[in-house]
Protein backbone atom coordinates (compact mmCIF):
# COMPACT_ATOMS: atom_id res chain seq x y z
CA UNK A 1 -0.33 21.46 -8.21
CA UNK A 2 2.51 22.15 -5.78
CA UNK A 3 6.11 22.90 -6.68
CA UNK A 4 8.54 20.62 -4.91
CA UNK A 5 11.34 22.68 -3.37
CA UNK A 6 12.57 20.02 -0.96
CA UNK A 7 15.44 17.69 -1.81
CA UNK A 8 14.21 14.08 -1.96
CA UNK A 9 16.06 10.75 -1.85
CA UNK A 10 14.35 7.65 -3.24
CA UNK A 11 15.74 4.45 -1.70
CA UNK A 12 14.87 1.43 -3.81
CA UNK A 13 14.34 3.59 -6.88
CA UNK A 14 14.85 0.70 -9.31
CA UNK A 15 12.12 -1.46 -7.75
CA UNK A 16 8.48 -1.67 -8.81
CA UNK A 17 7.25 0.70 -6.09
CA UNK A 18 10.19 3.07 -6.55
CA UNK A 19 9.40 3.52 -10.23
CA UNK A 20 5.73 4.23 -9.52
CA UNK A 21 6.80 6.72 -6.85
CA UNK A 22 8.81 8.62 -9.48
CA UNK A 23 5.80 8.69 -11.81
CA UNK A 24 3.53 10.00 -9.07
CA UNK A 25 6.11 12.51 -7.87
CA UNK A 26 6.00 14.11 -11.30
CA UNK A 27 2.20 13.88 -11.42
CA UNK A 28 1.73 15.67 -8.09
CA UNK A 29 4.77 17.97 -8.29
CA UNK A 30 5.38 18.89 -11.94
CA UNK A 31 8.49 20.81 -12.89
CA UNK A 32 12.15 20.59 -11.99
CA UNK A 33 13.02 18.54 -8.92
CA UNK A 34 16.20 17.81 -7.02
CA UNK A 35 16.18 14.04 -6.56
CA UNK A 36 18.73 11.49 -5.45
CA UNK A 37 17.95 7.95 -6.61
CA UNK A 38 19.51 5.25 -4.45
CA UNK A 39 19.79 1.49 -4.71
CA UNK A 40 22.36 -1.26 -4.30
CA UNK A 41 25.84 -0.98 -5.77
CA UNK A 42 24.92 -3.25 -8.70
CA UNK A 43 22.30 -0.70 -9.85
CA UNK A 44 24.72 2.22 -9.69
CA UNK A 45 24.64 4.23 -12.91
CA UNK A 46 21.20 3.05 -14.03
CA UNK A 47 19.22 5.97 -15.46
CA UNK A 48 15.59 6.56 -14.47
CA UNK A 49 13.19 9.29 -15.53
CA UNK A 50 10.96 11.49 -13.42
CA UNK A 51 8.94 13.48 -15.91
CA UNK A 52 11.32 15.13 -18.37
CA UNK A 53 14.29 14.79 -16.02
CA UNK A 54 16.66 11.81 -16.04
CA UNK A 55 18.61 10.83 -12.93
CA UNK A 56 21.40 8.33 -12.37
CA UNK A 57 21.11 5.83 -9.54
CA UNK A 58 23.76 6.07 -6.82
CA UNK A 59 25.02 3.55 -4.28
CA UNK A 60 22.90 3.76 -1.11
CA UNK A 61 25.76 2.65 1.15
CA UNK A 62 27.81 5.73 0.25
CA UNK A 63 25.06 8.35 0.47
CA UNK A 64 25.06 11.24 2.94
CA UNK A 65 21.44 11.87 3.98
CA UNK A 66 22.30 15.34 5.26
CA UNK A 67 22.17 16.31 1.56
CA UNK A 68 18.37 15.89 1.46
CA UNK A 69 15.27 16.92 3.41
CA UNK A 70 13.28 13.71 3.07
CA UNK A 71 13.83 10.12 1.97
CA UNK A 72 11.31 7.64 0.63
CA UNK A 73 12.29 4.04 1.46
CA UNK A 74 10.94 1.04 -0.43
CA UNK A 75 13.75 -1.47 -0.22
CA UNK A 76 12.64 -3.92 2.46
CA UNK A 77 12.80 -4.12 6.23
CA UNK A 78 16.52 -4.84 6.59
CA UNK A 79 17.53 -1.83 4.48
CA UNK A 80 15.11 0.36 6.44
CA UNK A 81 16.51 -0.91 9.73
CA UNK A 82 20.09 -0.19 8.66
CA UNK A 83 19.64 3.17 6.95
CA UNK A 84 16.43 4.92 8.12
CA UNK A 85 17.65 5.76 11.66
CA UNK A 86 20.94 6.95 10.15
CA UNK A 87 19.01 9.26 7.82
CA UNK A 88 17.05 10.76 10.73
CA UNK A 89 20.26 11.29 12.68
CA UNK A 90 21.55 13.27 9.70
CA UNK A 91 18.45 15.52 9.73
CA UNK A 92 16.40 13.74 7.07
CA UNK A 93 12.79 12.61 7.60
CA UNK A 94 11.89 9.15 6.31
CA UNK A 95 8.69 7.75 4.81
CA UNK A 96 9.21 3.99 5.00
CA UNK A 97 7.20 1.49 2.99
CA UNK A 98 8.55 -1.61 4.76
CA UNK A 99 7.13 -3.41 7.79
CA UNK A 100 10.16 -2.62 9.96
CA UNK A 101 8.77 0.26 12.06
CA UNK A 102 5.00 -0.23 11.79
CA UNK A 103 4.59 -1.70 15.27
CA UNK A 104 6.91 0.83 16.90
CA UNK A 105 4.76 2.96 19.23
CA UNK A 106 6.98 5.97 18.54
CA UNK A 107 6.56 5.76 14.75
CA UNK A 108 3.31 7.07 13.20
CA UNK A 109 1.59 4.57 10.90
CA UNK A 110 -0.39 6.72 8.50
CA UNK A 111 -3.11 6.55 5.88
CA UNK A 112 -3.78 10.25 5.19
CA UNK A 113 -7.51 9.79 4.42
CA UNK A 114 -7.98 7.81 7.65
CA UNK A 115 -5.67 9.17 10.35
CA UNK A 116 -3.73 11.92 8.59
CA UNK A 117 -4.31 14.26 11.52
CA UNK A 118 -1.55 12.47 13.45
CA UNK A 119 0.92 14.21 11.14
CA UNK A 120 -0.16 17.57 12.58
CA UNK A 121 1.60 16.65 15.81
CA UNK A 122 4.85 15.16 14.52
CA UNK A 123 8.16 16.94 14.79
CA UNK A 124 10.65 16.35 12.01
CA UNK A 125 13.03 14.76 11.27
CA UNK A 126 11.46 11.41 12.08
CA UNK A 127 10.36 8.09 10.57
CA UNK A 128 6.79 7.75 9.31
CA UNK A 129 5.54 4.31 8.24
CA UNK A 130 3.29 3.29 5.40
CA UNK A 131 0.91 0.42 6.21
CA UNK A 132 0.73 -2.89 4.40
CA UNK A 133 -0.76 -2.50 0.93
CA UNK A 134 -3.94 -4.44 1.77
CA UNK A 135 -4.43 -2.50 5.01
CA UNK A 136 -4.24 0.81 3.15
CA UNK A 137 -7.08 0.09 0.74
CA UNK A 138 -9.17 -1.76 3.33
CA UNK A 139 -9.17 1.08 5.86
CA UNK A 140 -10.02 3.77 3.32
CA UNK A 141 -13.23 1.79 2.74
CA UNK A 142 -13.83 0.90 6.40
CA UNK A 143 -13.51 4.43 7.76
CA UNK A 144 -16.99 5.58 6.58
CA UNK A 145 -18.54 2.46 8.12
CA UNK A 146 -16.76 3.08 11.41
CA UNK A 147 -17.67 6.78 11.45
CA UNK A 148 -21.38 6.00 11.05
CA UNK A 149 -21.97 2.74 12.90
CA UNK A 150 -18.77 1.90 14.89
CA UNK A 151 -17.19 -1.34 13.73
CA UNK A 152 -17.10 -4.27 16.12
CA UNK A 153 -15.57 -6.98 13.91
CA UNK A 154 -14.20 -7.45 10.40
CA UNK A 155 -13.51 -10.66 8.49
CA UNK A 156 -11.49 -9.97 5.35
CA UNK A 157 -10.21 -12.14 2.52
CA UNK A 158 -7.57 -10.59 0.28
CA UNK A 159 -6.76 -11.53 -3.31
CA UNK A 160 -3.29 -10.08 -3.78
CA UNK A 161 -1.51 -9.37 -7.06
CA UNK A 162 2.00 -10.69 -7.60
CA UNK A 163 3.46 -7.19 -8.01
CA UNK A 164 3.26 -6.98 -4.23
CA UNK A 165 6.25 -9.34 -4.23
CA UNK A 166 8.23 -7.18 -6.65
CA UNK A 167 9.28 -7.29 -10.28
CA UNK A 168 10.80 -10.74 -9.82
CA UNK A 169 7.34 -12.12 -9.02
CA UNK A 170 5.79 -10.43 -12.06
CA UNK A 171 8.48 -12.01 -14.22
CA UNK A 172 7.84 -15.42 -12.68
CA UNK A 173 4.08 -15.24 -13.29
CA UNK A 174 4.54 -14.24 -16.92
CA UNK A 175 7.25 -16.85 -17.49
CA UNK A 176 5.23 -19.66 -15.88
CA UNK A 177 2.14 -18.71 -17.87
CA UNK A 178 4.02 -18.80 -21.17
CA UNK A 179 5.75 -22.09 -20.39
CA UNK A 180 2.60 -23.84 -19.21
CA UNK A 181 0.67 -22.70 -22.29
CA UNK A 182 3.40 -24.29 -24.39
CA UNK A 183 3.41 -27.52 -22.37
CA UNK A 184 6.80 -26.84 -20.76
CA UNK A 185 7.85 -27.66 -17.20
CA UNK A 186 8.28 -24.91 -14.61
CA UNK A 187 10.35 -24.54 -11.44
CA UNK A 188 8.83 -22.07 -8.94
CA UNK A 189 11.36 -19.86 -7.19
CA UNK A 190 9.69 -16.69 -5.88
CA UNK A 191 6.80 -18.63 -4.36
CA UNK A 192 6.92 -22.15 -2.97
CA UNK A 193 4.16 -23.23 -5.35
CA UNK A 194 3.20 -22.50 -8.94
CA UNK A 195 1.47 -19.11 -9.19
CA UNK A 196 0.29 -19.22 -12.81
CA UNK A 197 -3.33 -20.48 -12.99
CA UNK A 198 -3.25 -21.00 -9.23
CA UNK A 199 -4.24 -19.44 -5.89
CA UNK A 200 -1.83 -19.75 -2.96
CA UNK A 201 -1.48 -18.39 0.56
CA UNK A 202 0.18 -14.98 0.79
CA UNK A 203 2.88 -14.42 3.37
CA UNK A 204 4.96 -16.53 5.72
CA UNK A 205 3.42 -18.77 8.36
CA UNK A 206 3.74 -17.65 11.98
CA UNK A 207 3.50 -19.68 15.20
CA UNK A 208 -0.25 -19.03 15.52
CA UNK A 209 -0.85 -20.52 12.02
CA UNK A 210 -1.71 -17.12 10.57
CA UNK A 211 0.62 -15.64 7.97
CA UNK A 212 2.57 -12.46 8.58
CA UNK A 213 0.42 -10.78 5.90
CA UNK A 214 -2.71 -11.67 7.87
CA UNK A 215 -1.26 -10.41 11.14
CA UNK A 216 -0.14 -7.15 9.52
CA UNK A 217 -3.74 -6.37 8.56
CA UNK A 218 -4.98 -7.13 12.07
CA UNK A 219 -2.26 -5.23 13.94
CA UNK A 220 -2.26 -2.23 11.60
CA UNK A 221 -6.04 -1.83 11.62
CA UNK A 222 -5.97 -1.57 15.39
CA UNK A 223 -3.15 0.99 15.35
CA UNK A 224 -4.60 3.16 12.58
CA UNK A 225 -8.39 2.97 12.89
CA UNK A 226 -9.42 1.71 16.33
CA UNK A 227 -7.76 -0.66 18.78
CA UNK A 228 -11.15 -2.07 19.80
CA UNK A 229 -11.89 -3.54 16.35
CA UNK A 230 -11.52 -7.31 16.14
CA UNK A 231 -10.29 -8.21 12.67
CA UNK A 232 -9.32 -11.53 11.12
CA UNK A 233 -7.84 -11.82 7.65
CA UNK A 234 -7.12 -14.59 5.18
CA UNK A 235 -4.59 -13.49 2.57
CA UNK A 236 -4.09 -15.24 -0.76
CA UNK A 237 -1.92 -14.56 -3.79
CA UNK A 238 -3.61 -14.71 -7.18
CA UNK A 239 -2.24 -14.70 -10.77
CA UNK A 240 -2.98 -11.02 -11.33
CA UNK A 241 -0.15 -8.55 -12.04
CA UNK A 242 -1.53 -5.30 -10.58
CA UNK A 243 -4.39 -4.63 -8.19
CA UNK A 244 -5.37 -6.21 -4.88
CA UNK A 245 -9.00 -7.16 -4.16
CA UNK A 246 -10.61 -7.64 -0.75
CA UNK A 247 -13.90 -9.20 0.32
CA UNK A 248 -14.80 -7.55 3.64
CA UNK A 249 -17.54 -8.73 5.99
CA UNK A 250 -18.22 -6.11 8.66
CA UNK A 251 -20.16 -6.26 11.94
CA UNK A 252 -21.07 -2.99 13.66
CA UNK A 253 -22.48 -1.96 17.03
CA UNK A 254 -25.38 -0.13 15.39
CA UNK A 255 -27.76 -1.36 12.69
CA UNK A 256 -26.68 -0.53 9.15
CA UNK A 257 -28.56 2.08 7.15
CA UNK A 258 -27.44 1.19 3.62
CA UNK A 259 -28.52 4.47 2.00
CA UNK A 260 -26.65 6.50 4.61
CA UNK A 261 -23.62 4.24 4.21
CA UNK A 262 -23.59 4.58 0.43
CA UNK A 263 -23.78 8.37 0.77
CA UNK A 264 -20.89 8.32 3.24
CA UNK A 265 -18.81 6.07 0.99
CA UNK A 266 -19.46 8.42 -1.93
CA UNK A 267 -18.09 11.39 0.01
CA UNK A 268 -15.03 9.60 1.42
CA UNK A 269 -11.72 11.06 0.23
CA UNK A 270 -9.72 8.72 -1.98
CA UNK A 271 -12.65 6.37 -2.59
CA UNK A 272 -14.90 5.70 -5.58
CA UNK A 273 -18.18 3.92 -4.86
CA UNK A 274 -19.58 1.71 -7.60
CA UNK A 275 -23.32 1.10 -7.85
CA UNK A 276 -24.17 -2.17 -6.13
CA UNK A 277 -26.38 -3.10 -9.09
CA UNK A 278 -23.22 -3.42 -11.18
CA UNK A 279 -21.99 -6.74 -9.85
CA UNK A 280 -18.98 -6.80 -12.22
CA UNK A 281 -17.54 -3.63 -10.70
CA UNK A 282 -15.09 -2.90 -9.39
CA UNK A 283 -12.38 -5.21 -10.66
CA UNK A 284 -8.59 -4.85 -10.58
CA UNK A 285 -8.03 -4.60 -14.34
CA UNK A 286 -10.57 -1.86 -15.08
CA UNK A 287 -10.74 0.01 -11.78
CA UNK A 288 -7.42 -0.48 -9.96
CA UNK A 289 -4.35 -0.99 -12.14
CA UNK A 290 -2.74 2.36 -12.86
CA UNK A 291 -5.38 4.31 -10.92
CA UNK A 292 -5.02 6.26 -7.68
CA UNK A 293 -8.38 5.90 -5.87
CA UNK A 294 -9.61 2.89 -3.94
CA UNK A 295 -12.80 1.47 -5.46
CA UNK A 296 -15.60 -0.13 -3.46
CA UNK A 297 -18.66 -1.95 -4.72
CA UNK A 298 -21.05 -4.82 -4.03
CA UNK A 299 -22.10 -2.99 -0.85
CA UNK A 300 -24.91 -5.14 0.50
CA UNK A 301 -26.61 -5.70 3.81
CA UNK A 302 -26.18 -9.07 5.44
CA UNK A 303 -28.97 -11.55 4.73
CA UNK A 304 -29.52 -12.35 8.41
CA UNK A 305 -28.21 -9.63 10.71
CA UNK A 306 -29.11 -5.90 10.58
CA UNK A 307 -25.73 -4.85 11.96
CA UNK A 308 -23.65 -6.50 9.25
CA UNK A 309 -22.63 -5.37 5.77
CA UNK A 310 -20.46 -6.83 3.01
CA UNK A 311 -18.35 -5.04 0.41
CA UNK A 312 -15.75 -5.63 -2.30
CA UNK A 313 -12.69 -3.36 -2.41
CA UNK A 314 -10.01 -3.02 -5.10
CA UNK A 315 -6.97 -0.78 -5.49
CA UNK A 316 -3.61 -0.58 -7.21
CA UNK A 317 -1.29 -2.08 -4.61
CA UNK A 318 1.74 -0.18 -5.92
CA UNK A 319 -0.14 3.13 -5.78
CA UNK A 320 -2.52 3.44 -2.81
CA UNK A 321 -0.86 0.43 -1.26
CA UNK A 322 2.58 2.05 -1.34
CA UNK A 323 3.80 4.93 -3.53
CA UNK A 324 0.65 7.06 -3.57
CA UNK A 325 0.23 6.83 0.19
CA UNK A 326 3.81 8.10 0.53
CA UNK A 327 3.13 11.01 -1.82
CA UNK A 328 0.06 11.92 0.24
CA UNK A 329 2.13 11.86 3.43
CA UNK A 330 4.73 14.04 1.72
CA UNK A 331 2.05 16.56 0.72
CA UNK A 332 0.77 16.78 4.30
CA UNK A 333 4.29 17.31 5.63
CA UNK A 334 4.86 20.09 3.11
CA UNK A 335 1.62 21.75 4.23
CA UNK A 336 2.70 21.83 7.89
């Protein structure tokens, strides 16, 4: 375990991802830490724990980023746009969890297990982006396939937990579930449709009839793993609190050797491979929620084509999909 000597600001500390980040910060860097928890003015004074330490939340708009070495942002794209460049100007590096800078060619988009080597070349202070939560878990599982057989095309369907939309969405799912079980009427607000006992599209529709969630997966895969990969995604929101699941159908340039692939998956950093004979594993409740690794299972050769393989991937969207990935980036920066 490392000792954290750097001063860290956590922007969006009161949110679902911010709270998980604090838990993981203490898990990876036990001991006393100098933290500055930041949120909107209405959250000022709220107390949050990181291990045995308790910190009060301060108003982001009044914070001087020259006081810290690094800031973790998980407060949405508009907050990142307004405050992240300011932080860098004041000498503070930023790890941003929003979508704001992911397509910027001058901003590294990083999954440490996949393309962490790009951090060897960065000069701080600068902005480093986290990918979309689904992209993060998908590419940890795709990297071994690409390393062995070179991926040509991926078709992915995501089953995304409501926590990806924040605490307000968790509250809405639980409230709707309780009301419907008691025969009461509901009025959806976070999502356009009822989410309890339902499956709905995830994201906002774009001009090409794909959602922004679907386009994030496509664009980010090309930037992180390989620009030559053709990838199409269908993203749906499901009434699960924690843990995204993905069904991935992969076509490669070379024929698949399943034994070699399973061995490669087993040795991949940040990944747990489940025996394909166990068709109930992995699942988000048992193998994702509250856990750090990505889990992959149901690895099976295509029925018709020798260069295709299918797999099922689950992970905690607040951990590997957000907070954990940031912690891993932080660790690599500290090792520079």
